[in-house]
């Protein structure tokens, strides 16, 4: 038996296994002390060695926004699954999803600018927006019987 056989990944590194590989473990205080020296230090990995340290850190700070974009596109905007087989249709599907994400982000930006916070989830907000009924006459888009919450949303976009 080795440490990798243990399913204790986060604390197995602090254990010593005797030479006989018996099931007797003891805490190795030297390994704990070595690990304490790294407390408060965060490492960053990159394959772009032309970047300065501050640039690498700045890119990692954007990681949350990138992960959030993927999460929104997969769940809220339903980019997946894609059931198309033809390349043009797949590209169109991804383009439409990207445009939907851009509209979503613009909506979120305007909410933030105006200091508006809704007391419900973004998924529910998507449902409210999906059920807008409008008529387009020339350059004008006229909403048909918007609910109170839809009227608030329309005011955001003036």
N, C-alpha and C. Protein backbone atom coordinates (compact mmCIF):
# COMPACT_ATOMS: atom_id res chain seq x y z
N UNK A 1 0.85 -1.19 0.00
CA UNK A 1 0.00 0.00 0.00
C UNK A 1 0.88 1.24 0.00
N UNK A 2 0.50 2.22 -0.78
CA UNK A 2 1.23 3.48 -0.84
C UNK A 2 0.27 4.61 -0.46
N UNK A 3 0.81 5.82 -0.37
CA UNK A 3 -0.04 6.97 -0.05
C UNK A 3 -1.11 7.17 -1.13
N UNK A 4 -0.76 6.85 -2.38
CA UNK A 4 -1.74 7.05 -3.45
C UNK A 4 -2.91 6.07 -3.33
N UNK A 5 -2.69 4.96 -2.63
CA UNK A 5 -3.79 4.02 -2.40
C UNK A 5 -4.80 4.58 -1.40
N UNK A 6 -4.35 5.52 -0.59
CA UNK A 6 -5.25 6.15 0.39
C UNK A 6 -6.15 7.13 -0.34
N UNK A 7 -7.34 7.25 0.08
CA UNK A 7 -8.22 8.26 -0.49
C UNK A 7 -8.25 9.47 0.44
N UNK A 8 -7.08 9.90 0.84
CA UNK A 8 -6.94 11.01 1.80
C UNK A 8 -6.15 12.15 1.16
N UNK A 9 -6.36 12.39 -0.10
CA UNK A 9 -5.49 13.25 -0.89
C UNK A 9 -5.07 14.55 -0.21
N UNK A 10 -5.98 15.23 0.45
CA UNK A 10 -5.61 16.53 0.98
C UNK A 10 -4.76 16.46 2.24
N UNK A 11 -4.73 15.35 2.94
CA UNK A 11 -3.85 15.29 4.10
C UNK A 11 -2.90 14.09 4.09
N UNK A 12 -2.91 13.28 3.06
CA UNK A 12 -2.02 12.13 2.98
C UNK A 12 -0.56 12.56 2.92
N UNK A 13 -0.29 13.77 2.41
CA UNK A 13 1.09 14.22 2.32
C UNK A 13 1.73 14.43 3.69
N UNK A 14 0.93 14.51 4.73
CA UNK A 14 1.46 14.71 6.08
C UNK A 14 1.71 13.39 6.82
N UNK A 15 1.42 12.27 6.18
CA UNK A 15 1.52 10.97 6.84
C UNK A 15 2.80 10.25 6.43
N UNK A 16 3.34 9.46 7.35
CA UNK A 16 4.43 8.54 7.05
C UNK A 16 3.86 7.14 7.06
N UNK A 17 4.22 6.37 6.05
CA UNK A 17 3.81 4.97 6.02
C UNK A 17 5.06 4.15 6.32
N UNK A 18 4.93 3.20 7.26
CA UNK A 18 6.12 2.41 7.61
C UNK A 18 6.53 1.51 6.44
N UNK A 19 7.75 1.01 6.49
CA UNK A 19 8.32 0.23 5.39
C UNK A 19 7.52 -1.03 5.07
N UNK A 20 6.86 -1.56 6.02
CA UNK A 20 6.10 -2.80 5.80
C UNK A 20 4.75 -2.54 5.14
N UNK A 21 4.43 -1.28 4.97
CA UNK A 21 3.16 -0.87 4.37
C UNK A 21 1.98 -1.39 5.18
N UNK A 22 2.16 -1.49 6.45
CA UNK A 22 1.04 -1.89 7.28
C UNK A 22 0.11 -0.69 7.44
N UNK A 23 -1.01 -0.92 8.04
CA UNK A 23 -2.01 0.13 8.16
C UNK A 23 -1.77 0.96 9.41
N UNK A 24 -0.56 1.29 9.67
CA UNK A 24 -0.24 2.17 10.81
C UNK A 24 0.37 3.44 10.24
N UNK A 25 -0.23 4.55 10.57
CA UNK A 25 0.23 5.83 10.05
C UNK A 25 0.57 6.73 11.22
N UNK A 26 1.49 7.65 10.96
CA UNK A 26 1.79 8.66 11.97
C UNK A 26 1.98 10.00 11.26
N UNK A 27 1.60 11.04 11.92
CA UNK A 27 1.75 12.38 11.38
C UNK A 27 3.22 12.76 11.37
N UNK A 28 3.69 13.30 10.27
CA UNK A 28 5.07 13.73 10.15
C UNK A 28 5.11 15.23 10.42
N UNK A 29 5.56 15.65 11.62
CA UNK A 29 5.55 17.08 11.96
C UNK A 29 6.47 17.92 11.06
N UNK A 30 7.54 17.33 10.52
CA UNK A 30 8.43 18.09 9.63
C UNK A 30 7.72 18.49 8.34
N UNK A 31 6.88 17.60 7.82
CA UNK A 31 6.13 17.92 6.60
C UNK A 31 5.09 19.01 6.88
N UNK A 32 4.52 18.99 8.06
CA UNK A 32 3.56 20.04 8.45
C UNK A 32 4.28 21.38 8.51
N UNK A 33 5.47 21.41 9.10
CA UNK A 33 6.25 22.65 9.22
C UNK A 33 6.65 23.16 7.83
N UNK A 34 7.09 22.25 6.95
CA UNK A 34 7.45 22.64 5.58
C UNK A 34 6.25 23.26 4.86
N UNK A 35 5.10 22.66 5.02
CA UNK A 35 3.91 23.17 4.36
C UNK A 35 3.48 24.51 4.93
N UNK A 36 3.68 24.72 6.22
CA UNK A 36 3.31 26.00 6.84
C UNK A 36 4.08 27.16 6.23
N UNK A 37 5.27 26.91 5.73
CA UNK A 37 6.08 27.97 5.12
C UNK A 37 5.42 28.53 3.86
N UNK A 38 4.54 27.76 3.26
CA UNK A 38 3.86 28.20 2.04
C UNK A 38 2.50 28.83 2.32
N UNK A 39 2.11 28.91 3.59
CA UNK A 39 0.83 29.53 3.93
C UNK A 39 0.79 30.97 3.44
N UNK A 40 -0.28 31.35 2.77
CA UNK A 40 -0.45 32.71 2.28
C UNK A 40 0.20 32.96 0.93
N UNK A 41 0.86 31.96 0.37
CA UNK A 41 1.51 32.12 -0.93
C UNK A 41 0.66 31.41 -1.98
N UNK A 42 0.41 32.11 -3.07
CA UNK A 42 -0.37 31.51 -4.15
C UNK A 42 0.51 31.45 -5.40
N UNK A 43 0.53 30.32 -6.04
CA UNK A 43 1.32 30.16 -7.25
C UNK A 43 0.45 30.24 -8.49
N UNK A 44 1.04 30.68 -9.58
CA UNK A 44 0.35 30.78 -10.85
C UNK A 44 1.17 30.05 -11.90
N UNK A 45 0.48 29.34 -12.77
CA UNK A 45 1.16 28.60 -13.84
C UNK A 45 0.81 29.24 -15.17
N UNK A 46 1.78 29.33 -16.06
CA UNK A 46 1.55 29.86 -17.39
C UNK A 46 2.51 29.21 -18.37
N UNK A 47 2.12 29.21 -19.62
CA UNK A 47 3.03 28.74 -20.66
C UNK A 47 3.51 29.90 -21.52
N UNK A 48 3.10 31.12 -21.17
CA UNK A 48 3.53 32.32 -21.88
C UNK A 48 4.60 33.01 -21.05
N UNK A 49 5.85 32.73 -21.36
CA UNK A 49 6.96 33.24 -20.57
C UNK A 49 7.33 34.68 -20.93
N UNK A 50 6.60 35.27 -21.87
CA UNK A 50 6.85 36.67 -22.22
C UNK A 50 6.10 37.61 -21.27
N UNK A 51 5.13 37.08 -20.52
CA UNK A 51 4.34 37.91 -19.61
C UNK A 51 5.12 38.24 -18.35
N UNK A 52 4.88 39.43 -17.85
CA UNK A 52 5.45 39.81 -16.55
C UNK A 52 4.57 39.22 -15.46
N UNK A 53 5.10 39.13 -14.26
CA UNK A 53 4.36 38.53 -13.14
C UNK A 53 3.02 39.24 -12.92
N UNK A 54 3.00 40.56 -12.99
CA UNK A 54 1.75 41.31 -12.79
C UNK A 54 0.71 40.97 -13.85
N UNK A 55 1.19 40.73 -15.09
CA UNK A 55 0.26 40.37 -16.17
C UNK A 55 -0.36 39.00 -15.95
N UNK A 56 0.46 38.05 -15.48
CA UNK A 56 -0.04 36.70 -15.20
C UNK A 56 -1.12 36.78 -14.12
N UNK A 57 -0.85 37.54 -13.07
CA UNK A 57 -1.82 37.68 -11.98
C UNK A 57 -3.10 38.35 -12.48
N UNK A 58 -2.96 39.35 -13.34
CA UNK A 58 -4.14 40.04 -13.89
C UNK A 58 -4.99 39.08 -14.71
N UNK A 59 -4.34 38.21 -15.49
CA UNK A 59 -5.09 37.23 -16.28
C UNK A 59 -5.84 36.26 -15.39
N UNK A 60 -5.22 35.84 -14.30
CA UNK A 60 -5.90 34.92 -13.39
C UNK A 60 -7.07 35.60 -12.70
N UNK A 61 -6.99 36.90 -12.49
CA UNK A 61 -8.10 37.60 -11.86
C UNK A 61 -9.31 37.65 -12.80
N UNK A 62 -9.08 37.53 -14.11
CA UNK A 62 -10.17 37.49 -15.08
C UNK A 62 -10.75 36.09 -15.24
N UNK A 63 -10.13 35.11 -14.62
CA UNK A 63 -10.55 33.72 -14.78
C UNK A 63 -12.00 33.52 -14.33
N UNK A 64 -12.40 34.18 -13.25
CA UNK A 64 -13.77 34.03 -12.76
C UNK A 64 -14.77 34.50 -13.81
N UNK A 65 -14.47 35.62 -14.46
CA UNK A 65 -15.38 36.15 -15.48
C UNK A 65 -15.49 35.19 -16.66
N UNK A 66 -14.39 34.59 -17.06
CA UNK A 66 -14.40 33.64 -18.17
C UNK A 66 -15.21 32.40 -17.80
N UNK A 67 -14.98 31.87 -16.58
CA UNK A 67 -15.72 30.70 -16.13
C UNK A 67 -17.21 31.00 -16.03
N UNK A 68 -17.55 32.20 -15.58
CA UNK A 68 -18.95 32.60 -15.46
C UNK A 68 -19.59 32.68 -16.85
N UNK A 69 -18.85 33.20 -17.83
CA UNK A 69 -19.36 33.28 -19.19
C UNK A 69 -19.69 31.89 -19.73
N UNK A 70 -18.80 30.93 -19.51
CA UNK A 70 -19.06 29.57 -19.96
C UNK A 70 -20.26 28.97 -19.23
N UNK A 71 -20.35 29.22 -17.93
CA UNK A 71 -21.46 28.68 -17.15
C UNK A 71 -22.79 29.26 -17.65
N UNK A 72 -22.82 30.56 -17.90
CA UNK A 72 -24.04 31.20 -18.40
C UNK A 72 -24.40 30.67 -19.78
N UNK A 73 -23.39 30.53 -20.65
CA UNK A 73 -23.69 30.07 -22.01
C UNK A 73 -24.18 28.62 -22.02
N UNK A 74 -23.69 27.81 -21.09
CA UNK A 74 -24.11 26.41 -21.06
C UNK A 74 -25.47 26.23 -20.39
N UNK A 75 -25.75 27.00 -19.35
CA UNK A 75 -26.98 26.79 -18.60
C UNK A 75 -28.06 27.78 -19.02
N UNK A 76 -27.88 29.04 -18.71
CA UNK A 76 -28.92 30.04 -18.94
C UNK A 76 -29.23 30.22 -20.43
N UNK A 77 -28.20 30.26 -21.26
CA UNK A 77 -28.43 30.49 -22.68
C UNK A 77 -28.57 29.20 -23.48
N UNK A 78 -28.37 28.10 -22.83
CA UNK A 78 -28.58 26.77 -23.44
C UNK A 78 -27.83 26.58 -24.76
N UNK A 79 -26.55 26.90 -24.77
CA UNK A 79 -25.76 26.68 -25.98
C UNK A 79 -25.59 25.19 -26.27
N UNK A 80 -25.66 24.38 -25.23
CA UNK A 80 -25.51 22.94 -25.42
C UNK A 80 -26.77 22.24 -24.96
N UNK A 81 -27.10 21.12 -25.46
CA UNK A 81 -26.41 20.36 -26.51
C UNK A 81 -26.72 20.93 -27.89
N UNK A 82 -25.83 20.67 -28.81
CA UNK A 82 -26.02 21.08 -30.20
C UNK A 82 -26.35 19.82 -31.00
N UNK A 83 -27.51 19.82 -31.62
CA UNK A 83 -27.96 18.64 -32.36
C UNK A 83 -27.74 18.79 -33.88
N UNK A 84 -27.03 19.81 -34.28
CA UNK A 84 -26.81 20.04 -35.71
C UNK A 84 -25.67 19.16 -36.22
N UNK A 85 -25.72 18.87 -37.51
CA UNK A 85 -24.65 18.09 -38.13
C UNK A 85 -23.86 18.94 -39.12
N UNK A 86 -24.52 19.88 -39.76
CA UNK A 86 -23.87 20.70 -40.78
C UNK A 86 -23.07 21.83 -40.13
N UNK A 87 -21.89 22.05 -40.66
CA UNK A 87 -20.97 23.05 -40.09
C UNK A 87 -21.61 24.44 -40.01
N UNK A 88 -22.30 24.86 -41.07
CA UNK A 88 -22.92 26.20 -41.06
C UNK A 88 -23.96 26.34 -39.96
N UNK A 89 -24.72 25.28 -39.73
CA UNK A 89 -25.75 25.33 -38.68
C UNK A 89 -25.12 25.38 -37.29
N UNK A 90 -24.04 24.64 -37.11
CA UNK A 90 -23.32 24.68 -35.81
C UNK A 90 -22.78 26.07 -35.58
N UNK A 91 -22.15 26.65 -36.61
CA UNK A 91 -21.60 28.01 -36.48
C UNK A 91 -22.71 29.02 -36.18
N UNK A 92 -23.85 28.87 -36.85
CA UNK A 92 -24.98 29.78 -36.61
C UNK A 92 -25.49 29.64 -35.18
N UNK A 93 -25.58 28.41 -34.70
CA UNK A 93 -26.03 28.15 -33.33
C UNK A 93 -25.10 28.83 -32.31
N UNK A 94 -23.81 28.66 -32.51
CA UNK A 94 -22.83 29.27 -31.60
C UNK A 94 -22.88 30.79 -31.71
N UNK A 95 -23.02 31.32 -32.93
CA UNK A 95 -23.12 32.77 -33.11
C UNK A 95 -24.34 33.34 -32.41
N UNK A 96 -25.48 32.69 -32.58
CA UNK A 96 -26.71 33.16 -31.92
C UNK A 96 -26.53 33.11 -30.40
N UNK A 97 -25.90 32.06 -29.90
CA UNK A 97 -25.66 31.94 -28.46
C UNK A 97 -24.73 33.04 -27.98
N UNK A 98 -23.71 33.36 -28.79
CA UNK A 98 -22.78 34.43 -28.42
C UNK A 98 -23.49 35.79 -28.39
N UNK A 99 -24.32 36.03 -29.39
CA UNK A 99 -25.08 37.29 -29.42
C UNK A 99 -26.01 37.37 -28.21
N UNK A 100 -26.65 36.25 -27.87
CA UNK A 100 -27.52 36.22 -26.69
C UNK A 100 -26.72 36.54 -25.44
N UNK A 101 -25.50 36.00 -25.36
CA UNK A 101 -24.64 36.29 -24.20
C UNK A 101 -24.28 37.78 -24.17
N UNK A 102 -23.96 38.35 -25.33
CA UNK A 102 -23.62 39.78 -25.39
C UNK A 102 -24.80 40.64 -24.94
N UNK A 103 -26.01 40.28 -25.38
CA UNK A 103 -27.22 41.01 -24.95
C UNK A 103 -27.41 40.86 -23.45
N UNK A 104 -27.21 39.64 -22.96
CA UNK A 104 -27.33 39.37 -21.52
C UNK A 104 -26.35 40.24 -20.73
N UNK A 105 -25.10 40.33 -21.19
CA UNK A 105 -24.10 41.12 -20.48
C UNK A 105 -24.41 42.61 -20.54
N UNK A 106 -24.94 43.07 -21.67
CA UNK A 106 -25.34 44.48 -21.79
C UNK A 106 -26.49 44.78 -20.83
N UNK A 107 -27.43 43.86 -20.74
CA UNK A 107 -28.54 44.02 -19.81
C UNK A 107 -28.01 44.11 -18.38
N UNK A 108 -27.10 43.20 -18.04
CA UNK A 108 -26.52 43.19 -16.70
C UNK A 108 -25.76 44.48 -16.43
N UNK A 109 -25.03 44.99 -17.43
CA UNK A 109 -24.27 46.24 -17.28
C UNK A 109 -25.21 47.41 -17.01
N UNK A 110 -26.31 47.46 -17.76
CA UNK A 110 -27.27 48.56 -17.55
C UNK A 110 -27.96 48.46 -16.19
N UNK A 111 -28.24 47.25 -15.76
CA UNK A 111 -28.80 47.08 -14.41
C UNK A 111 -27.84 47.66 -13.37
N UNK A 112 -26.58 47.34 -13.53
CA UNK A 112 -25.56 47.79 -12.57
C UNK A 112 -25.42 49.32 -12.61
N UNK A 113 -25.40 49.90 -13.82
CA UNK A 113 -25.28 51.36 -13.95
C UNK A 113 -26.41 52.09 -13.26
N UNK A 114 -27.62 51.53 -13.37
CA UNK A 114 -28.78 52.19 -12.78
C UNK A 114 -29.04 51.76 -11.34
N UNK A 115 -28.17 50.87 -10.83
CA UNK A 115 -28.31 50.44 -9.44
C UNK A 115 -29.54 49.60 -9.17
N UNK A 116 -30.00 48.87 -10.17
CA UNK A 116 -31.22 48.07 -10.04
C UNK A 116 -30.84 46.64 -9.69
N UNK A 117 -31.48 46.12 -8.66
CA UNK A 117 -31.27 44.72 -8.28
C UNK A 117 -32.62 44.05 -8.17
N UNK A 118 -32.75 42.93 -8.86
CA UNK A 118 -33.97 42.16 -8.76
C UNK A 118 -33.81 41.14 -7.65
N UNK A 119 -34.91 40.81 -6.99
CA UNK A 119 -34.87 39.86 -5.87
C UNK A 119 -35.22 38.46 -6.33
N UNK A 120 -34.79 38.08 -7.52
CA UNK A 120 -35.02 36.73 -8.01
C UNK A 120 -33.85 36.34 -8.90
N UNK A 121 -33.81 35.08 -9.27
CA UNK A 121 -32.66 34.54 -10.00
C UNK A 121 -32.63 35.02 -11.44
N UNK A 122 -31.45 34.90 -12.04
CA UNK A 122 -31.30 35.26 -13.45
C UNK A 122 -32.07 34.31 -14.35
N UNK A 123 -32.25 33.06 -13.91
CA UNK A 123 -33.03 32.11 -14.71
C UNK A 123 -34.48 32.57 -14.81
N UNK A 124 -35.03 33.06 -13.71
CA UNK A 124 -36.39 33.57 -13.73
C UNK A 124 -36.46 34.83 -14.59
N UNK A 125 -35.44 35.66 -14.51
CA UNK A 125 -35.39 36.87 -15.33
C UNK A 125 -35.38 36.50 -16.81
N UNK A 126 -34.64 35.44 -17.16
CA UNK A 126 -34.62 34.98 -18.56
C UNK A 126 -36.02 34.59 -19.01
N UNK A 127 -36.77 33.90 -18.14
CA UNK A 127 -38.13 33.50 -18.49
C UNK A 127 -39.02 34.73 -18.71
N UNK A 128 -38.83 35.74 -17.87
CA UNK A 128 -39.62 36.98 -18.01
C UNK A 128 -39.32 37.64 -19.35
N UNK A 129 -38.04 37.70 -19.71
CA UNK A 129 -37.64 38.33 -20.97
C UNK A 129 -38.11 37.50 -22.17
N UNK A 130 -38.05 36.17 -22.05
CA UNK A 130 -38.48 35.29 -23.14
C UNK A 130 -39.95 35.52 -23.50
N UNK A 131 -40.75 35.94 -22.55
CA UNK A 131 -42.19 36.06 -22.77
C UNK A 131 -42.63 37.49 -23.09
N UNK A 132 -41.71 38.32 -23.57
CA UNK A 132 -42.08 39.64 -24.07
C UNK A 132 -42.81 39.46 -25.39
N UNK A 133 -43.92 40.14 -25.54
CA UNK A 133 -44.62 40.17 -26.83
C UNK A 133 -44.47 41.57 -27.38
N UNK A 134 -43.96 41.67 -28.60
CA UNK A 134 -43.75 42.98 -29.21
C UNK A 134 -44.20 42.96 -30.66
N UNK A 135 -44.50 44.14 -31.15
CA UNK A 135 -44.81 44.34 -32.57
C UNK A 135 -43.83 45.36 -33.09
N UNK A 136 -43.26 45.08 -34.26
CA UNK A 136 -42.33 46.03 -34.86
C UNK A 136 -43.02 46.71 -36.03
N UNK A 137 -43.12 48.04 -35.94
CA UNK A 137 -43.71 48.84 -37.01
C UNK A 137 -42.65 49.84 -37.45
N UNK A 138 -42.11 49.60 -38.62
CA UNK A 138 -41.02 50.46 -39.11
C UNK A 138 -39.80 50.30 -38.20
N UNK A 139 -39.34 51.41 -37.64
CA UNK A 139 -38.20 51.39 -36.72
C UNK A 139 -38.63 51.25 -35.27
N UNK A 140 -39.93 51.27 -35.01
CA UNK A 140 -40.43 51.21 -33.63
C UNK A 140 -40.76 49.79 -33.22
N UNK A 141 -40.38 49.45 -31.99
CA UNK A 141 -40.75 48.18 -31.39
C UNK A 141 -41.72 48.50 -30.26
N UNK A 142 -42.93 47.98 -30.35
CA UNK A 142 -43.98 48.31 -29.37
C UNK A 142 -44.33 47.06 -28.58
N UNK A 143 -44.12 47.11 -27.24
CA UNK A 143 -44.49 45.96 -26.41
C UNK A 143 -46.01 45.84 -26.28
N UNK A 144 -46.48 44.60 -26.24
CA UNK A 144 -47.92 44.35 -26.10
C UNK A 144 -48.18 43.84 -24.69
N UNK A 145 -48.98 44.58 -23.94
CA UNK A 145 -49.39 44.23 -22.58
C UNK A 145 -48.24 43.71 -21.71
N UNK A 146 -47.19 44.55 -21.51
CA UNK A 146 -46.11 44.09 -20.62
C UNK A 146 -46.57 44.07 -19.16
N UNK A 147 -46.09 43.06 -18.42
CA UNK A 147 -46.39 43.00 -16.98
C UNK A 147 -45.62 44.11 -16.27
N UNK A 148 -45.87 44.28 -14.97
CA UNK A 148 -45.17 45.33 -14.22
C UNK A 148 -43.66 45.12 -14.24
N UNK A 149 -43.22 43.88 -14.04
CA UNK A 149 -41.78 43.60 -14.04
C UNK A 149 -41.20 43.82 -15.43
N UNK A 150 -41.96 43.48 -16.49
CA UNK A 150 -41.49 43.72 -17.84
C UNK A 150 -41.41 45.21 -18.14
N UNK A 151 -42.32 45.99 -17.57
CA UNK A 151 -42.26 47.45 -17.72
C UNK A 151 -40.98 48.01 -17.07
N UNK A 152 -40.60 47.47 -15.92
CA UNK A 152 -39.36 47.89 -15.27
C UNK A 152 -38.16 47.57 -16.16
N UNK A 153 -38.20 46.39 -16.76
CA UNK A 153 -37.09 45.99 -17.63
C UNK A 153 -37.02 46.89 -18.86
N UNK A 154 -38.18 47.26 -19.42
CA UNK A 154 -38.20 48.16 -20.56
C UNK A 154 -37.62 49.53 -20.21
N UNK A 155 -37.88 50.01 -18.99
CA UNK A 155 -37.33 51.31 -18.56
C UNK A 155 -35.80 51.28 -18.50
N UNK A 156 -35.25 50.13 -18.19
CA UNK A 156 -33.79 50.00 -18.12
C UNK A 156 -33.18 50.28 -19.49
N UNK A 157 -33.86 49.82 -20.55
CA UNK A 157 -33.34 49.97 -21.90
C UNK A 157 -33.86 51.22 -22.60
N UNK A 158 -34.67 52.01 -21.90
CA UNK A 158 -35.23 53.26 -22.45
C UNK A 158 -35.78 53.05 -23.83
